[in-house]
Amino acid sequence: MLAARSLGRAPSRCHALLRSQKRLVATRAVQVDSEVAEASTAPIELPPSAVTDPPEALPARNYAASTSIPSAAAASSPVPPTGPDFPPKVADLDAQRFRLHPSVEYWQNFTSKINTIFAEGDTSFVANLQQLVRQASESAVLRDPRAASYWAYHTARMTFFIGQAATGLVAHHLSETLPSSITGLPGMASSGGGGGNDAFSGAAATTPFQRVTSNLNGEILNRVSEALATFQQDYDNICAGYYPMPWDMVTPGHRQYNPLFMLTKTAQAVEESVATLRRRVRGQPDHVWLSGSAYPQYYTKTYHYQTDGWMSERSARVYEHNTELLFFGRQDAMQRTSLLPLTEYLREAELGGRSVSELRLLEVAAGTGRFHTFIKDAHPALPTVVSDLSPFYLARARSNMRYWAEMRQSGRQLGGVDGAGVQQYLQTAAERIDARDDSFDILVCVYLFHELPEPVRRAAAAEFFRVLRPGGLAIITDSVQTGDRPAWDKTLGVFGDFNEPYYRNYISCDLGAMFEDAGFQCDTKYLCSASKTLTFRKPL
């Protein structure tokens, strides 16, 4: 099996490392009730890949040792008080429906603050420094060359994106506070004499740069601590054999190592950062240049205040780079959490006598296809279909997949378009998938649902159920919701101010109930920093 071969390649020292981690791969058992706690029952250390069932449900399963995927168990735990004064948090509802991966408890207890680029707030320099030192002391990087290479790459990558983000913040700040003749940013600096803009002025007006620098040390340590914990989880998953090292990291000739290529990306990123931040501080999104009835109304918004929304080659060209700026280089690692349930499902299928090449995967709203390259690199023999509503993003996805195949599968024909193993690039909406009933065994959807109105989410869930075969798996990865990161609850909704009109509704939306209404069975929940992954099974 492909996943088993990947596990076999991980040296035994990785498993020793896994057992030694106290943070991600070894987690305490699910919190017992208060009566048991008073009886001084000691917490239990679970195996690295254990999955915690809802209280009084089936025993926890060790995903590292077992290849069978259990069905979700019915909830029997006490329900928190509800009502106008006690609105239920989504995390509490999830705990009644899903098996909880150890990452859920870890991130719920992880202390961090919402990025002050979007919200006013203080971060503790001392607390974050202590957490950073603790994370470093628990790491065994110097004892494992493989770990050292992973951490060297991701530390450099994180530093690069922090520098990119800082450059964009400074450039935007200058465009707001200096005359355009000084900033050298034609078309972005304010019109008329003097600096600034009438729509963004006055004593109360502050730029994101000013908010960040008001507590710079705490802010940086906060972001770094969050990123390092994310990378540790990612590396633990690699050591456990769920997926290989990131292919762009281990490919020496990758274009990201070309200084000219990265300089071009940097220039594009700074230009787009200034443009989006200027729109953000004014609350004035641009209108999409393309109009008509071919696209649903919600799709014509310029989410994140990005230029052209989803409707241009330029937007597709800068999108993946600029979203990494938003997360300071940890987006790829968060998304790779989706590969855990995918690998488990493929192992189960192979034990049942079905080869990977006999299955079909659909990625809905695949965007530029970057995450799809990680799917294919982990499972190159798996036939896939890439879908998105934007023809510009689909064209970019095809380019990215072709590049992946050239760099990683040279001389090997995987079939499909460009020999990259993608059977089809499908322009279709999530709520009206242009595919027959029971067409796919696996469906993956990353970072879509927070950009859909709630009725469209429901329609999409029904479509996912329709196109999956009985026994099929749906993997939904998106933003965390209320209760997933309790320290964020009070300010989580501020991302909605970044021209995300459906985000505040999303963070309190019970996706488990929504998918059950569509016919699914809830399976497992994972967390990774700002992202959550939920899996659902279509009954046989």
Protein backbone atom coordinates (compact mmCIF):
# COMPACT_ATOMS: atom_id res chain seq x y z
CA MET A 1 0.00 0.00 0.00
CA LEU A 2 1.16 3.47 -0.80
CA ALA A 3 0.48 4.80 2.70
CA ALA A 4 2.17 1.78 4.24
CA ARG A 5 5.23 2.28 2.07
CA SER A 6 5.33 5.91 3.20
CA LEU A 7 5.19 4.73 6.79
CA GLY A 8 7.96 2.25 6.13
CA ARG A 9 10.24 4.98 4.91
CA ALA A 10 9.96 6.88 8.18
CA PRO A 11 12.94 5.85 10.35
CA SER A 12 12.36 4.31 13.72
CA ARG A 13 13.61 7.46 15.39
CA CYS A 14 10.50 9.27 14.13
CA HIS A 15 8.37 6.95 16.21
CA ALA A 16 10.58 7.52 19.22
CA LEU A 17 10.09 11.22 18.62
CA LEU A 18 6.36 10.74 18.40
CA ARG A 19 6.21 8.96 21.73
CA SER A 20 8.22 11.72 23.37
CA GLN A 21 5.97 14.58 22.30
CA LYS A 22 3.76 15.79 25.12
CA ARG A 23 1.83 18.29 23.08
CA LEU A 24 0.29 17.02 19.86
CA VAL A 25 0.72 13.30 19.39
CA ALA A 26 0.34 12.34 23.05
CA THR A 27 -2.72 14.01 24.53
CA ARG A 28 -4.76 13.54 27.63
CA ALA A 29 -8.02 11.59 27.45
CA VAL A 30 -11.21 13.51 26.92
CA GLN A 31 -12.10 15.65 29.96
CA VAL A 32 -14.03 13.56 32.46
CA ASP A 33 -17.01 14.96 34.31
CA SER A 34 -16.62 16.90 37.49
CA GLU A 35 -17.52 14.01 39.79
CA VAL A 36 -14.80 11.80 38.37
CA ALA A 37 -12.35 14.68 38.45
CA GLU A 38 -13.04 15.17 42.16
CA ALA A 39 -12.24 11.51 42.69
CA SER A 40 -8.71 12.30 41.42
CA THR A 41 -8.85 10.04 38.43
CA ALA A 42 -5.51 10.48 36.64
CA PRO A 43 -5.50 11.58 32.98
CA ILE A 44 -4.62 8.87 30.51
CA GLU A 45 -1.94 9.27 27.86
CA LEU A 46 -3.33 8.24 24.48
CA PRO A 47 -1.29 6.83 21.57
CA PRO A 48 0.00 9.26 18.92
CA SER A 49 -2.90 8.86 16.51
CA ALA A 50 -5.68 8.00 18.94
CA VAL A 51 -9.14 9.35 18.28
CA THR A 52 -11.29 10.28 21.25
CA ASP A 53 -14.88 9.15 21.04
CA PRO A 54 -17.77 11.19 22.38
CA PRO A 55 -18.36 10.39 26.07
CA GLU A 56 -19.82 6.88 26.72
CA ALA A 57 -19.40 5.95 23.07
CA LEU A 58 -17.22 3.28 21.50
CA PRO A 59 -13.62 2.87 22.71
CA ALA A 60 -10.99 5.16 21.25
CA ARG A 61 -9.27 3.83 18.15
CA ASN A 62 -5.58 4.07 17.36
CA TYR A 63 -5.46 5.23 13.76
CA ALA A 64 -1.74 4.48 13.56
CA ALA A 65 -2.36 0.83 14.36
CA SER A 66 -5.76 0.31 12.77
CA THR A 67 -6.85 0.72 9.20
CA SER A 68 -10.59 0.46 9.79
CA ILE A 69 -12.56 3.67 9.98
CA PRO A 70 -15.25 3.48 12.66
CA SER A 71 -18.67 4.95 12.25
CA ALA A 72 -19.62 7.92 14.37
CA ALA A 73 -21.26 7.08 17.67
CA ALA A 74 -24.33 8.66 19.12
CA ALA A 75 -23.77 11.33 21.71
CA SER A 76 -24.72 10.72 25.31
CA SER A 77 -22.87 13.45 27.17
CA PRO A 78 -24.72 16.15 29.06
CA VAL A 79 -25.75 19.03 26.86
CA PRO A 80 -24.54 22.47 28.02
CA PRO A 81 -27.30 24.91 29.00
CA THR A 82 -28.86 26.69 26.05
CA GLY A 83 -31.12 29.64 25.56
CA PRO A 84 -30.78 33.35 24.85
CA ASP A 85 -28.21 33.72 27.64
CA PHE A 86 -26.35 30.49 26.80
CA PRO A 87 -25.99 30.12 23.02
CA PRO A 88 -24.42 26.73 22.29
CA LYS A 89 -20.91 26.77 20.94
CA VAL A 90 -20.28 24.75 17.82
CA ALA A 91 -17.45 22.85 19.53
CA ASP A 92 -19.92 21.56 22.16
CA LEU A 93 -22.25 20.36 19.41
CA ASP A 94 -19.37 18.76 17.54
CA ALA A 95 -18.36 16.83 20.67
CA GLN A 96 -21.77 15.16 20.70
CA ARG A 97 -21.50 13.99 17.09
CA PHE A 98 -17.87 13.40 16.14
CA ARG A 99 -14.98 11.35 17.33
CA LEU A 100 -12.40 13.84 18.55
CA HIS A 101 -8.84 13.56 17.32
CA PRO A 102 -6.22 14.48 19.99
CA SER A 103 -5.56 17.70 18.10
CA VAL A 104 -8.97 18.98 19.19
CA GLU A 105 -8.11 19.09 22.89
CA TYR A 106 -4.61 20.38 22.19
CA TRP A 107 -5.74 23.42 20.21
CA GLN A 108 -8.64 24.16 22.52
CA ASN A 109 -6.08 24.56 25.30
CA PHE A 110 -3.51 26.42 23.21
CA THR A 111 -3.16 30.06 24.26
CA SER A 112 -3.03 32.55 21.43
CA LYS A 113 -4.78 35.74 20.34
CA ILE A 114 -6.46 36.78 17.13
CA ASN A 115 -4.07 38.51 14.75
CA THR A 116 -4.14 42.24 15.57
CA ILE A 117 -3.87 43.09 11.90
CA PHE A 118 -7.67 42.72 11.98
CA ALA A 119 -8.55 43.56 15.57
CA GLU A 120 -7.47 45.75 18.42
CA GLY A 121 -5.97 43.66 21.20
CA ASP A 122 -2.97 42.98 23.36
CA THR A 123 -0.74 39.93 23.34
CA SER A 124 1.53 39.08 26.23
CA PHE A 125 5.22 39.17 25.39
CA VAL A 126 6.14 37.17 28.49
CA ALA A 127 3.44 34.51 28.06
CA ASN A 128 4.28 33.95 24.41
CA LEU A 129 8.01 33.87 25.10
CA GLN A 130 7.44 31.24 27.79
CA GLN A 131 5.32 29.19 25.42
CA LEU A 132 7.91 29.50 22.67
CA VAL A 133 10.70 28.33 24.99
CA ARG A 134 8.55 25.43 26.14
CA GLN A 135 7.85 24.36 22.55
CA ALA A 136 11.54 24.52 21.67
CA SER A 137 12.57 22.53 24.74
CA GLU A 138 10.12 19.76 23.86
CA SER A 139 11.44 19.46 20.32
CA ALA A 140 14.04 16.83 19.37
CA VAL A 141 15.21 18.58 16.23
CA LEU A 142 18.93 18.22 16.86
CA ARG A 143 18.57 14.48 17.48
CA ASP A 144 16.87 13.80 14.15
CA PRO A 145 18.39 14.99 10.83
CA ARG A 146 15.06 14.49 9.07
CA ALA A 147 13.36 16.70 11.62
CA ALA A 148 16.17 19.22 11.30
CA SER A 149 15.62 19.53 7.57
CA TYR A 150 11.87 19.96 8.04
CA TRP A 151 12.30 22.64 10.69
CA ALA A 152 15.05 24.48 8.83
CA TYR A 153 12.82 24.74 5.76
CA HIS A 154 9.67 25.75 7.60
CA THR A 155 11.42 28.22 9.86
CA ALA A 156 12.92 29.88 6.78
CA ARG A 157 9.55 29.78 5.05
CA MET A 158 7.78 31.31 8.03
CA THR A 159 10.44 34.04 8.29
CA PHE A 160 10.04 34.78 4.59
CA PHE A 161 6.27 35.21 4.83
CA ILE A 162 6.52 37.29 7.99
CA GLY A 163 8.93 39.54 6.11
CA GLN A 164 6.54 39.68 3.16
CA ALA A 165 3.64 40.55 5.42
CA ALA A 166 5.69 43.26 7.14
CA THR A 167 6.70 44.75 3.80
CA GLY A 168 3.08 44.90 2.71
CA LEU A 169 2.02 46.53 5.98
CA VAL A 170 4.76 49.15 5.75
CA ALA A 171 4.01 49.88 2.10
CA HIS A 172 0.32 50.29 2.87
CA HIS A 173 1.07 52.53 5.85
CA LEU A 174 3.23 54.77 3.69
CA SER A 175 0.56 54.93 1.01
CA GLU A 176 -1.87 56.22 3.63
CA THR A 177 0.42 58.70 5.37
CA LEU A 178 2.69 60.08 2.66
CA PRO A 179 1.94 61.90 -0.60
CA SER A 180 1.85 59.70 -3.67
CA SER A 181 4.86 61.55 -5.06
CA ILE A 182 6.89 60.03 -2.21
CA THR A 183 5.32 56.59 -1.93
CA GLY A 184 5.86 55.75 -5.60
CA LEU A 185 2.64 53.73 -5.66
CA PRO A 186 0.69 55.05 -8.65
CA GLY A 187 -2.99 54.33 -8.53
CA MET A 188 -2.88 53.41 -4.84
CA ALA A 189 -1.85 56.62 -3.10
CA SER A 190 -4.52 59.16 -2.31
CA SER A 191 -5.67 61.72 -4.83
CA GLY A 192 -5.32 65.41 -4.23
CA GLY A 193 -2.65 67.24 -2.25
CA GLY A 194 -1.17 65.99 0.99
CA GLY A 195 -1.01 62.51 2.39
CA GLY A 196 -3.78 60.23 3.40
CA ASN A 197 -7.33 60.02 2.16
CA ASP A 198 -10.49 61.83 3.27
CA ALA A 199 -12.23 58.47 3.78
CA PHE A 200 -9.43 57.34 6.05
CA SER A 201 -8.23 60.17 8.23
CA GLY A 202 -8.55 61.72 11.64
CA ALA A 203 -7.08 61.06 15.04
CA ALA A 204 -8.90 57.74 15.45
CA ALA A 205 -7.73 56.32 12.14
CA THR A 206 -4.98 53.74 12.48
CA THR A 207 -3.42 51.48 9.91
CA PRO A 208 -2.89 47.73 10.44
CA PHE A 209 0.83 48.51 10.66
CA GLN A 210 0.21 50.81 13.62
CA ARG A 211 -1.94 48.22 15.39
CA VAL A 212 0.68 45.52 14.95
CA THR A 213 3.62 47.66 16.01
CA SER A 214 1.84 48.87 19.14
CA ASN A 215 2.77 45.49 20.64
CA LEU A 216 5.32 44.22 18.16
CA ASN A 217 7.26 41.77 20.34
CA GLY A 218 4.16 40.09 21.69
CA GLU A 219 2.57 40.02 18.25
CA ILE A 220 5.55 38.35 16.59
CA LEU A 221 5.98 35.80 19.35
CA ASN A 222 2.25 35.09 19.23
CA ARG A 223 2.40 34.37 15.49
CA VAL A 224 5.62 32.37 15.74
CA SER A 225 4.31 30.26 18.61
CA GLU A 226 1.14 29.47 16.65
CA ALA A 227 3.15 28.56 13.56
CA LEU A 228 5.62 26.33 15.40
CA ALA A 229 2.81 24.35 17.01
CA THR A 230 1.22 23.96 13.57
CA PHE A 231 4.49 22.73 12.06
CA GLN A 232 5.01 20.28 14.91
CA GLN A 233 1.61 18.75 14.24
CA ASP A 234 2.38 18.59 10.53
CA TYR A 235 5.74 16.89 11.12
CA ASP A 236 4.21 14.39 13.56
CA ASN A 237 1.70 13.41 10.86
CA ILE A 238 4.56 12.92 8.39
CA CYS A 239 6.43 10.70 10.85
CA ALA A 240 3.28 8.66 11.41
CA GLY A 241 3.17 7.93 7.66
CA TYR A 242 0.01 9.80 6.76
CA TYR A 243 1.73 11.75 3.99
CA PRO A 244 5.26 12.45 2.76
CA MET A 245 7.45 15.48 3.33
CA PRO A 246 6.09 18.53 1.43
CA TRP A 247 7.04 17.99 -2.18
CA ASP A 248 8.05 21.60 -2.78
CA MET A 249 10.46 21.33 0.14
CA VAL A 250 12.22 18.18 -1.08
CA THR A 251 12.42 19.16 -4.77
CA PRO A 252 15.75 21.04 -5.22
CA GLY A 253 14.82 22.44 -8.63
CA HIS A 254 11.51 23.84 -7.47
CA ARG A 255 10.87 27.37 -8.72
CA GLN A 256 10.48 28.67 -5.17
CA TYR A 257 14.27 28.35 -4.83
CA ASN A 258 14.76 30.67 -7.82
CA PRO A 259 15.50 34.21 -6.51
CA LEU A 260 14.08 35.89 -9.62
CA PHE A 261 10.84 33.95 -9.33
CA MET A 262 10.48 34.91 -5.67
CA LEU A 263 11.32 38.56 -6.35
CA THR A 264 8.50 38.63 -8.87
CA LYS A 265 6.16 37.04 -6.34
CA THR A 266 7.24 39.57 -3.73
CA ALA A 267 6.50 42.53 -6.00
CA GLN A 268 3.08 41.11 -6.85
CA ALA A 269 2.35 40.39 -3.19
CA VAL A 270 3.25 43.89 -2.02
CA GLU A 271 1.16 45.51 -4.73
CA GLU A 272 -1.85 43.36 -3.88
CA SER A 273 -1.37 43.82 -0.11
CA VAL A 274 -1.44 47.59 -0.43
CA ALA A 275 -4.53 47.47 -2.63
CA THR A 276 -6.47 45.09 -0.36
CA LEU A 277 -5.50 46.89 2.85
CA ARG A 278 -6.55 50.27 1.42
CA ARG A 279 -9.95 48.81 0.63
CA ARG A 280 -10.09 47.12 4.02
CA VAL A 281 -9.50 50.23 6.14
CA ARG A 282 -12.20 52.07 4.17
CA GLY A 283 -14.62 49.16 3.99
CA GLN A 284 -14.93 49.78 0.24
CA PRO A 285 -14.55 46.64 -1.89
CA ASP A 286 -14.13 46.97 -5.62
CA HIS A 287 -16.86 45.69 -7.88
CA VAL A 288 -16.10 42.62 -9.96
CA TRP A 289 -15.49 43.66 -13.54
CA LEU A 290 -17.46 40.71 -14.94
CA SER A 291 -21.25 40.76 -14.62
CA GLY A 292 -24.06 38.53 -15.82
CA SER A 293 -26.30 35.66 -14.74
CA ALA A 294 -23.76 32.88 -15.27
CA TYR A 295 -22.55 33.05 -11.67
CA PRO A 296 -24.52 33.08 -8.39
CA GLN A 297 -24.76 36.41 -6.63
CA TYR A 298 -22.62 35.38 -3.64
CA TYR A 299 -19.76 34.45 -5.98
CA THR A 300 -19.43 37.93 -7.44
CA LYS A 301 -18.09 39.43 -4.21
CA THR A 302 -14.45 40.41 -3.88
CA TYR A 303 -13.70 38.34 -0.80
CA HIS A 304 -10.74 39.54 1.29
CA TYR A 305 -11.00 42.77 -0.73
CA GLN A 306 -8.86 41.04 -3.33
CA THR A 307 -8.55 42.55 -6.78
CA ASP A 308 -11.10 41.16 -9.29
CA GLY A 309 -12.52 38.63 -6.81
CA TRP A 310 -12.24 35.20 -8.44
CA MET A 311 -12.56 36.63 -11.92
CA SER A 312 -9.13 37.20 -13.41
CA GLU A 313 -5.85 35.51 -14.18
CA ARG A 314 -4.15 38.15 -12.04
CA SER A 315 -6.22 37.20 -9.01
CA ALA A 316 -5.42 33.51 -9.51
CA ARG A 317 -1.72 34.30 -9.89
CA VAL A 318 -1.36 36.07 -6.52
CA TYR A 319 -3.96 34.20 -4.47
CA GLU A 320 -2.02 31.31 -2.94
CA HIS A 321 0.98 33.49 -2.10
CA ASN A 322 -1.11 36.18 -0.42
CA THR A 323 -3.19 33.77 1.62
CA GLU A 324 0.04 32.35 3.02
CA LEU A 325 0.91 35.91 4.04
CA LEU A 326 -2.34 36.00 5.97
CA PHE A 327 -1.28 32.94 7.97
CA PHE A 328 2.44 33.76 8.07
CA GLY A 329 3.37 30.60 6.16
CA ARG A 330 1.30 27.97 7.97
CA GLN A 331 -1.62 27.55 5.55
CA ASP A 332 -0.17 24.54 3.72
CA ALA A 333 0.44 22.72 7.00
CA MET A 334 -3.12 23.42 8.18
CA GLN A 335 -4.58 22.14 4.94
CA ARG A 336 -2.50 18.96 5.02
CA THR A 337 -4.56 17.84 8.04
CA SER A 338 -7.14 16.87 5.41
CA LEU A 339 -4.77 14.13 4.27
CA LEU A 340 -5.12 12.16 7.52
CA PRO A 341 -8.68 10.92 6.91
CA LEU A 342 -7.93 10.53 3.20
CA THR A 343 -5.02 8.17 3.88
CA GLU A 344 -7.05 6.21 6.42
CA TYR A 345 -9.86 5.75 3.92
CA LEU A 346 -7.48 4.52 1.23
CA ARG A 347 -5.92 2.04 3.67
CA GLU A 348 -9.38 0.74 4.51
CA ALA A 349 -10.24 0.37 0.83
CA GLU A 350 -7.07 -1.58 0.10
CA LEU A 351 -7.74 -3.94 3.00
CA GLY A 352 -11.15 -4.49 1.47
CA GLY A 353 -9.58 -5.50 -1.84
CA ARG A 354 -9.95 -2.22 -3.74
CA SER A 355 -6.83 -0.63 -5.14
CA VAL A 356 -6.27 3.11 -5.00
CA SER A 357 -6.47 3.30 -8.79
CA GLU A 358 -10.06 1.98 -8.68
CA LEU A 359 -11.29 4.89 -6.56
CA ARG A 360 -12.18 8.43 -7.59
CA LEU A 361 -11.71 11.69 -5.70
CA LEU A 362 -13.39 15.02 -6.37
CA GLU A 363 -12.01 18.24 -4.93
CA VAL A 364 -14.72 20.90 -4.81
CA ALA A 365 -13.67 24.57 -4.97
CA ALA A 366 -10.06 23.57 -5.55
CA GLY A 367 -9.03 27.12 -6.43
CA THR A 368 -5.49 27.26 -7.80
CA GLY A 369 -4.97 23.55 -7.14
CA ARG A 370 -2.10 23.97 -4.71
CA PHE A 371 -3.59 21.63 -2.11
CA HIS A 372 -4.43 19.19 -4.87
CA THR A 373 -0.69 18.84 -5.59
CA PHE A 374 -0.27 17.55 -2.01
CA ILE A 375 -3.12 15.08 -2.54
CA LYS A 376 -1.48 13.76 -5.70
CA ASP A 377 2.00 13.70 -4.20
CA ALA A 378 0.75 11.55 -1.32
CA HIS A 379 -1.35 9.31 -3.58
CA PRO A 380 -0.25 9.68 -7.23
CA ALA A 381 -2.19 6.61 -8.40
CA LEU A 382 -5.51 8.01 -7.16
CA PRO A 383 -7.66 9.28 -10.08
CA THR A 384 -9.01 12.73 -9.30
CA VAL A 385 -11.26 15.48 -10.63
CA VAL A 386 -10.54 19.15 -9.90
CA SER A 387 -13.53 21.49 -9.78
CA ASP A 388 -14.00 25.20 -9.28
CA LEU A 389 -16.45 27.82 -10.45
CA SER A 390 -13.79 30.21 -11.75
CA PRO A 391 -12.28 29.39 -15.17
CA PHE A 392 -9.27 31.53 -14.24
CA TYR A 393 -8.56 29.52 -11.13
CA LEU A 394 -9.12 26.25 -12.96
CA ALA A 395 -6.54 27.28 -15.55
CA ARG A 396 -4.11 28.03 -12.72
CA ALA A 397 -4.89 24.67 -11.13
CA ARG A 398 -4.09 22.91 -14.38
CA SER A 399 -0.79 24.78 -14.59
CA ASN A 400 0.10 23.84 -11.01
CA MET A 401 -0.77 20.19 -11.55
CA ARG A 402 1.26 20.07 -14.76
CA TYR A 403 4.22 21.59 -12.94
CA TRP A 404 3.90 19.06 -10.10
CA ALA A 405 3.87 16.16 -12.56
CA GLU A 406 6.94 17.50 -14.38
CA MET A 407 8.88 17.92 -11.13
CA ARG A 408 7.77 14.82 -9.25
CA GLN A 409 6.57 12.28 -11.81
CA SER A 410 8.98 12.84 -14.69
CA GLY A 411 8.81 9.97 -17.15
CA ARG A 412 5.73 8.46 -15.52
CA GLN A 413 2.35 8.73 -17.20
CA LEU A 414 -0.44 8.97 -14.65
CA GLY A 415 -3.10 9.46 -17.30
CA GLY A 416 -5.70 12.17 -17.46
CA VAL A 417 -5.10 15.78 -18.49
CA ASP A 418 -1.40 16.50 -19.14
CA GLY A 419 -0.49 13.09 -17.72
CA ALA A 420 -0.88 14.42 -14.16
CA GLY A 421 -3.55 11.96 -13.04
CA VAL A 422 -6.36 14.51 -13.07
CA GLN A 423 -9.17 13.06 -15.16
CA GLN A 424 -11.09 16.30 -15.58
CA TYR A 425 -11.12 20.00 -14.71
CA LEU A 426 -14.76 20.73 -13.99
CA GLN A 427 -16.22 24.23 -13.89
CA THR A 428 -19.14 23.83 -11.54
CA ALA A 429 -20.70 25.25 -8.39
CA ALA A 430 -20.60 23.29 -5.14
CA GLU A 431 -24.38 23.47 -4.82
CA ARG A 432 -24.95 22.24 -8.41
CA ILE A 433 -22.16 19.76 -9.16
CA ASP A 434 -22.09 18.75 -12.80
CA ALA A 435 -21.63 15.04 -12.14
CA ARG A 436 -23.79 11.92 -12.02
CA ASP A 437 -25.14 10.40 -8.84
CA ASP A 438 -22.72 8.07 -7.01
CA SER A 439 -19.74 9.21 -9.10
CA PHE A 440 -17.00 9.50 -6.47
CA ASP A 441 -15.64 7.64 -3.47
CA ILE A 442 -14.02 10.66 -1.80
CA LEU A 443 -14.92 14.34 -1.83
CA VAL A 444 -12.59 17.02 -0.45
CA CYS A 445 -13.58 20.64 0.08
CA VAL A 446 -11.17 23.16 1.65
CA TYR A 447 -11.97 26.72 2.76
CA LEU A 448 -15.27 27.08 0.92
CA PHE A 449 -18.10 26.90 3.45
CA HIS A 450 -17.30 30.16 5.27
CA GLU A 451 -17.84 31.97 1.96
CA LEU A 452 -21.29 30.50 1.30
CA PRO A 453 -24.67 31.75 2.53
CA GLU A 454 -26.24 29.19 4.86
CA PRO A 455 -28.89 27.99 2.34
CA VAL A 456 -26.13 27.39 -0.20
CA ARG A 457 -24.13 25.42 2.39
CA ARG A 458 -27.15 23.17 2.84
CA ALA A 459 -27.52 22.71 -0.90
CA ALA A 460 -23.81 21.91 -1.20
CA ALA A 461 -24.03 19.28 1.55
CA ALA A 462 -26.94 17.65 -0.30
CA GLU A 463 -24.95 17.67 -3.54
CA PHE A 464 -21.95 16.11 -1.81
CA PHE A 465 -24.22 13.32 -0.61
CA ARG A 466 -25.65 12.84 -4.09
CA VAL A 467 -22.35 12.51 -5.96
CA LEU A 468 -20.67 10.23 -3.39
CA ARG A 469 -21.06 6.49 -3.64
CA PRO A 470 -22.47 4.58 -0.65
CA GLY A 471 -19.67 4.24 1.89
CA GLY A 472 -17.99 7.34 0.46
CA LEU A 473 -16.08 9.89 2.53
CA ALA A 474 -16.54 13.67 2.59
CA ILE A 475 -13.65 15.73 4.03
CA ILE A 476 -14.54 19.33 4.87
CA THR A 477 -11.78 21.69 6.02
CA ASP A 478 -12.50 25.29 6.90
CA SER A 479 -12.09 27.95 9.56
CA VAL A 480 -12.44 27.09 13.23
CA GLN A 481 -15.79 27.94 14.79
CA THR A 482 -17.01 29.01 18.20
CA GLY A 483 -15.53 26.94 21.00
CA ASP A 484 -12.83 25.37 18.84
CA ARG A 485 -10.33 27.95 20.09
CA PRO A 486 -12.03 29.37 23.21
CA ALA A 487 -9.46 32.17 23.58
CA TRP A 488 -10.56 33.45 20.17
CA ASP A 489 -14.33 33.37 20.68
CA LYS A 490 -14.80 37.05 21.53
CA THR A 491 -12.93 38.29 18.46
CA LEU A 492 -13.25 35.39 16.00
CA GLY A 493 -15.90 37.19 13.98
CA VAL A 494 -13.65 40.13 13.09
CA PHE A 495 -12.46 38.26 10.00
CA GLY A 496 -15.93 38.95 8.66
CA ASP A 497 -14.86 42.57 8.34
CA PHE A 498 -12.40 41.49 5.66
CA ASN A 499 -15.27 41.46 3.16
CA GLU A 500 -16.42 38.03 4.30
CA PRO A 501 -20.18 38.65 4.55
CA TYR A 502 -21.11 35.09 5.56
CA TYR A 503 -18.30 34.44 8.01
CA ARG A 504 -20.09 35.46 11.19
CA ASN A 505 -22.96 33.17 10.32
CA TYR A 506 -20.52 30.39 9.49
CA ILE A 507 -18.68 30.40 12.83
CA SER A 508 -21.92 29.54 14.65
CA CYS A 509 -23.25 27.15 11.98
CA ASP A 510 -23.75 23.54 13.10
CA LEU A 511 -22.17 21.71 10.15
CA GLY A 512 -22.64 18.33 11.82
CA ALA A 513 -26.40 18.78 11.95
CA MET A 514 -26.43 20.20 8.43
CA PHE A 515 -24.65 17.17 6.98
CA GLU A 516 -26.78 14.76 9.00
CA ASP A 517 -29.85 16.42 7.50
CA ALA A 518 -28.37 15.68 4.07
CA GLY A 519 -28.05 11.98 5.00
CA PHE A 520 -24.43 11.75 6.17
CA GLN A 521 -23.08 10.14 9.31
CA CYS A 522 -20.62 12.27 11.28
CA ASP A 523 -17.21 10.66 11.65
CA THR A 524 -14.13 12.48 13.02
CA LYS A 525 -13.08 16.03 13.90
CA TYR A 526 -9.52 17.42 13.71
CA LEU A 527 -8.09 20.85 14.54
CA CYS A 528 -4.93 22.54 13.31
CA SER A 529 -4.39 26.16 14.35
CA ALA A 530 -7.05 28.28 12.60
CA SER A 531 -8.52 25.34 10.63
CA LYS A 532 -10.82 22.46 11.45
CA THR A 533 -11.46 19.30 9.49
CA LEU A 534 -14.70 17.36 9.70
CA THR A 535 -15.28 14.02 8.02
CA PHE A 536 -18.60 12.46 7.08
CA ARG A 537 -19.56 9.03 5.73
CA LYS A 538 -22.37 8.23 3.31
CA PRO A 539 -24.12 5.12 4.69
CA LEU A 540 -23.83 1.91 2.73
